């Protein structure tokens, strides 16, 4: 009988010892937005080389004004600015810098902070500086 009581007491104490540990839930990281994502390929470059047509892979979800990058063979890269114009599977983007050719991959990069986010960060930085 005493052995049964001691066993139950030991079991209760061991379970109570684990009760203070918080349950860890897996947290999702939202760093997928900061990683480059392949969205299409250069389909056409007009003779004046001021803009390109991008053939999208899937539904075009790139916002107007987003910065895009291209990558081609031999380390060729360029920066583009999404114009928001699209027709079917094709979207237009202005060429900002770099060298690109038809067939180069087009990638999105991390979103630039919006004006509201930038103003909030500035006001927080000023409040920290004035507190010092």
C-alpha atoms as a PDB file:
ATOM      1  CA  UNK A   1       0.000   0.000   0.000  1.00  0.00           C
ATOM      2  CA  UNK A   2       2.806   2.400   0.931  1.00  0.00           C
ATOM      3  CA  UNK A   3       4.542   1.579  -2.329  1.00  0.00           C
ATOM      4  CA  UNK A   4       1.402   2.546  -4.282  1.00  0.00           C
ATOM      5  CA  UNK A   5       1.105   5.861  -2.395  1.00  0.00           C
ATOM      6  CA  UNK A   6       4.780   6.714  -2.998  1.00  0.00           C
ATOM      7  CA  UNK A   7       4.474   5.826  -6.679  1.00  0.00           C
ATOM      8  CA  UNK A   8       1.399   8.035  -7.127  1.00  0.00           C
ATOM      9  CA  UNK A   9       3.086  10.857  -5.177  1.00  0.00           C
ATOM     10  CA  UNK A  10       6.227  10.602  -7.342  1.00  0.00           C
ATOM     11  CA  UNK A  11       4.111  10.602 -10.492  1.00  0.00           C
ATOM     12  CA  UNK A  12       2.174  13.693  -9.368  1.00  0.00           C
ATOM     13  CA  UNK A  13       5.382  15.561  -8.485  1.00  0.00           C
ATOM     14  CA  UNK A  14       6.990  14.740 -11.826  1.00  0.00           C
ATOM     15  CA  UNK A  15       3.924  15.933 -13.726  1.00  0.00           C
ATOM     16  CA  UNK A  16       3.757  19.120 -11.664  1.00  0.00           C
ATOM     17  CA  UNK A  17       7.426  19.798 -12.384  1.00  0.00           C
ATOM     18  CA  UNK A  18       6.668  19.958 -16.124  1.00  0.00           C
ATOM     19  CA  UNK A  19       3.615  22.176 -15.698  1.00  0.00           C
ATOM     20  CA  UNK A  20       5.602  25.426 -15.424  1.00  0.00           C
ATOM     21  CA  UNK A  21       7.163  25.042 -18.867  1.00  0.00           C
ATOM     22  CA  UNK A  22       5.275  27.158 -21.431  1.00  0.00           C
ATOM     23  CA  UNK A  23       4.006  25.433 -24.513  1.00  0.00           C
ATOM     24  CA  UNK A  24       6.059  26.586 -27.484  1.00  0.00           C
ATOM     25  CA  UNK A  25       4.075  27.162 -30.623  1.00  0.00           C
ATOM     26  CA  UNK A  26       5.883  27.387 -33.933  1.00  0.00           C
ATOM     27  CA  UNK A  27       5.976  30.944 -35.223  1.00  0.00           C
ATOM     28  CA  UNK A  28       5.814  31.694 -38.896  1.00  0.00           C
ATOM     29  CA  UNK A  29       8.514  33.969 -40.197  1.00  0.00           C
ATOM     30  CA  UNK A  30       7.433  36.497 -42.763  1.00  0.00           C
ATOM     31  CA  UNK A  31      10.851  36.744 -44.373  1.00  0.00           C
ATOM     32  CA  UNK A  32       9.474  35.237 -47.586  1.00  0.00           C
ATOM     33  CA  UNK A  33       8.713  38.780 -48.652  1.00  0.00           C
ATOM     34  CA  UNK A  34      12.347  39.770 -48.279  1.00  0.00           C
ATOM     35  CA  UNK A  35      13.664  36.948 -50.457  1.00  0.00           C
ATOM     36  CA  UNK A  36      13.794  37.395 -54.234  1.00  0.00           C
ATOM     37  CA  UNK A  37      10.962  35.580 -55.977  1.00  0.00           C
ATOM     38  CA  UNK A  38      10.943  34.615 -59.684  1.00  0.00           C
ATOM     39  CA  UNK A  39       7.890  36.240 -61.299  1.00  0.00           C
ATOM     40  CA  UNK A  40       8.613  36.004 -65.016  1.00  0.00           C
ATOM     41  CA  UNK A  41      11.048  36.464 -67.878  1.00  0.00           C
ATOM     42  CA  UNK A  42      11.900  39.274 -70.292  1.00  0.00           C
ATOM     43  CA  UNK A  43       9.711  38.655 -73.349  1.00  0.00           C
ATOM     44  CA  UNK A  44      10.414  41.742 -75.437  1.00  0.00           C
ATOM     45  CA  UNK A  45      12.669  44.812 -75.476  1.00  0.00           C
ATOM     46  CA  UNK A  46      11.672  47.627 -77.863  1.00  0.00           C
ATOM     47  CA  UNK A  47      14.378  49.331 -79.948  1.00  0.00           C
ATOM     48  CA  UNK A  48      14.486  52.447 -77.733  1.00  0.00           C
ATOM     49  CA  UNK A  49      15.316  50.222 -74.687  1.00  0.00           C
ATOM     50  CA  UNK A  50      13.337  52.352 -72.218  1.00  0.00           C
ATOM     51  CA  UNK A  51      10.940  49.606 -71.116  1.00  0.00           C
ATOM     52  CA  UNK A  52      10.406  45.857 -71.371  1.00  0.00           C
ATOM     53  CA  UNK A  53       7.539  43.418 -71.576  1.00  0.00           C
ATOM     54  CA  UNK A  54       7.636  40.697 -68.965  1.00  0.00           C
ATOM     55  CA  UNK A  55       5.960  37.344 -69.516  1.00  0.00           C
ATOM     56  CA  UNK A  56       4.650  36.468 -66.070  1.00  0.00           C
ATOM     57  CA  UNK A  57       4.826  33.028 -64.511  1.00  0.00           C
ATOM     58  CA  UNK A  58       1.341  32.683 -63.080  1.00  0.00           C
ATOM     59  CA  UNK A  59      -0.874  35.566 -61.989  1.00  0.00           C
ATOM     60  CA  UNK A  60       0.883  38.959 -61.998  1.00  0.00           C
ATOM     61  CA  UNK A  61       0.750  40.155 -58.369  1.00  0.00           C
ATOM     62  CA  UNK A  62       3.516  42.763 -58.502  1.00  0.00           C
ATOM     63  CA  UNK A  63       2.336  46.181 -57.316  1.00  0.00           C
ATOM     64  CA  UNK A  64       2.769  49.311 -59.418  1.00  0.00           C
ATOM     65  CA  UNK A  65       6.030  51.043 -58.520  1.00  0.00           C
ATOM     66  CA  UNK A  66       7.689  47.871 -57.238  1.00  0.00           C
ATOM     67  CA  UNK A  67      11.356  47.390 -57.953  1.00  0.00           C
ATOM     68  CA  UNK A  68      12.209  44.314 -59.999  1.00  0.00           C
ATOM     69  CA  UNK A  69      15.593  42.815 -60.803  1.00  0.00           C
ATOM     70  CA  UNK A  70      16.693  40.696 -63.716  1.00  0.00           C
ATOM     71  CA  UNK A  71      19.396  38.108 -63.934  1.00  0.00           C
ATOM     72  CA  UNK A  72      20.860  36.560 -67.052  1.00  0.00           C
ATOM     73  CA  UNK A  73      23.810  34.444 -68.095  1.00  0.00           C
ATOM     74  CA  UNK A  74      27.338  35.733 -67.549  1.00  0.00           C
ATOM     75  CA  UNK A  75      26.242  37.726 -64.469  1.00  0.00           C
ATOM     76  CA  UNK A  76      24.137  40.203 -66.441  1.00  0.00           C
ATOM     77  CA  UNK A  77      21.723  42.140 -64.171  1.00  0.00           C
ATOM     78  CA  UNK A  78      19.338  45.086 -64.392  1.00  0.00           C
ATOM     79  CA  UNK A  79      16.828  46.981 -62.258  1.00  0.00           C
ATOM     80  CA  UNK A  80      13.276  47.598 -63.444  1.00  0.00           C
ATOM     81  CA  UNK A  81      10.317  49.598 -62.151  1.00  0.00           C
ATOM     82  CA  UNK A  82       6.874  47.989 -62.535  1.00  0.00           C
ATOM     83  CA  UNK A  83       4.533  50.397 -64.359  1.00  0.00           C
ATOM     84  CA  UNK A  84       1.264  48.660 -63.554  1.00  0.00           C
ATOM     85  CA  UNK A  85       0.357  48.163 -67.211  1.00  0.00           C
ATOM     86  CA  UNK A  86      -0.528  44.577 -68.028  1.00  0.00           C
ATOM     87  CA  UNK A  87      -2.358  42.634 -70.684  1.00  0.00           C
ATOM     88  CA  UNK A  88      -2.973  38.935 -70.217  1.00  0.00           C
ATOM     89  CA  UNK A  89       0.256  37.261 -69.163  1.00  0.00           C
ATOM     90  CA  UNK A  90       2.399  40.283 -70.095  1.00  0.00           C
ATOM     91  CA  UNK A  91       3.311  43.259 -67.924  1.00  0.00           C
ATOM     92  CA  UNK A  92       5.390  46.356 -68.646  1.00  0.00           C
ATOM     93  CA  UNK A  93       8.309  47.716 -66.619  1.00  0.00           C
ATOM     94  CA  UNK A  94      10.635  50.669 -67.131  1.00  0.00           C
ATOM     95  CA  UNK A  95      14.361  49.951 -67.385  1.00  0.00           C
ATOM     96  CA  UNK A  96      16.219  51.839 -64.653  1.00  0.00           C
ATOM     97  CA  UNK A  97      19.787  50.521 -64.859  1.00  0.00           C
ATOM     98  CA  UNK A  98      21.793  47.590 -66.141  1.00  0.00           C
ATOM     99  CA  UNK A  99      21.977  45.344 -69.163  1.00  0.00           C
ATOM    100  CA  UNK A 100      19.327  42.789 -70.020  1.00  0.00           C
ATOM    101  CA  UNK A 101      18.327  40.532 -72.883  1.00  0.00           C
ATOM    102  CA  UNK A 102      15.227  38.587 -73.898  1.00  0.00           C
ATOM    103  CA  UNK A 103      14.879  35.493 -71.723  1.00  0.00           C
ATOM    104  CA  UNK A 104      16.464  36.902 -68.547  1.00  0.00           C
ATOM    105  CA  UNK A 105      14.668  35.984 -65.326  1.00  0.00           C
ATOM    106  CA  UNK A 106      12.679  38.697 -63.517  1.00  0.00           C
ATOM    107  CA  UNK A 107      12.588  38.721 -59.712  1.00  0.00           C
ATOM    108  CA  UNK A 108      10.792  40.784 -57.097  1.00  0.00           C
ATOM    109  CA  UNK A 109      12.784  42.059 -54.150  1.00  0.00           C
ATOM    110  CA  UNK A 110      11.831  43.290 -50.685  1.00  0.00           C
ATOM    111  CA  UNK A 111       9.228  46.013 -50.700  1.00  0.00           C
ATOM    112  CA  UNK A 112      10.439  49.531 -50.060  1.00  0.00           C
ATOM    113  CA  UNK A 113       8.906  51.104 -46.959  1.00  0.00           C
ATOM    114  CA  UNK A 114       5.791  53.130 -47.601  1.00  0.00           C
ATOM    115  CA  UNK A 115       5.603  56.834 -46.775  1.00  0.00           C
ATOM    116  CA  UNK A 116       3.556  56.088 -43.640  1.00  0.00           C
ATOM    117  CA  UNK A 117       6.124  53.566 -42.364  1.00  0.00           C
ATOM    118  CA  UNK A 118       8.962  55.981 -43.093  1.00  0.00           C
ATOM    119  CA  UNK A 119       7.256  58.850 -41.233  1.00  0.00           C
ATOM    120  CA  UNK A 120       6.542  56.589 -38.248  1.00  0.00           C
ATOM    121  CA  UNK A 121      10.179  55.466 -38.103  1.00  0.00           C
ATOM    122  CA  UNK A 122      11.359  59.091 -38.309  1.00  0.00           C
ATOM    123  CA  UNK A 123       9.094  60.192 -35.466  1.00  0.00           C
ATOM    124  CA  UNK A 124      10.212  57.236 -33.328  1.00  0.00           C
ATOM    125  CA  UNK A 125      13.864  58.075 -34.015  1.00  0.00           C
ATOM    126  CA  UNK A 126      13.290  61.717 -33.069  1.00  0.00           C
ATOM    127  CA  UNK A 127      11.548  60.760 -29.826  1.00  0.00           C
ATOM    128  CA  UNK A 128      14.499  58.511 -28.896  1.00  0.00           C
ATOM    129  CA  UNK A 129      17.016  61.287 -29.687  1.00  0.00           C
ATOM    130  CA  UNK A 130      15.144  63.886 -27.644  1.00  0.00           C
ATOM    131  CA  UNK A 131      14.851  61.495 -24.695  1.00  0.00           C
ATOM    132  CA  UNK A 132      18.648  61.117 -24.549  1.00  0.00           C
END
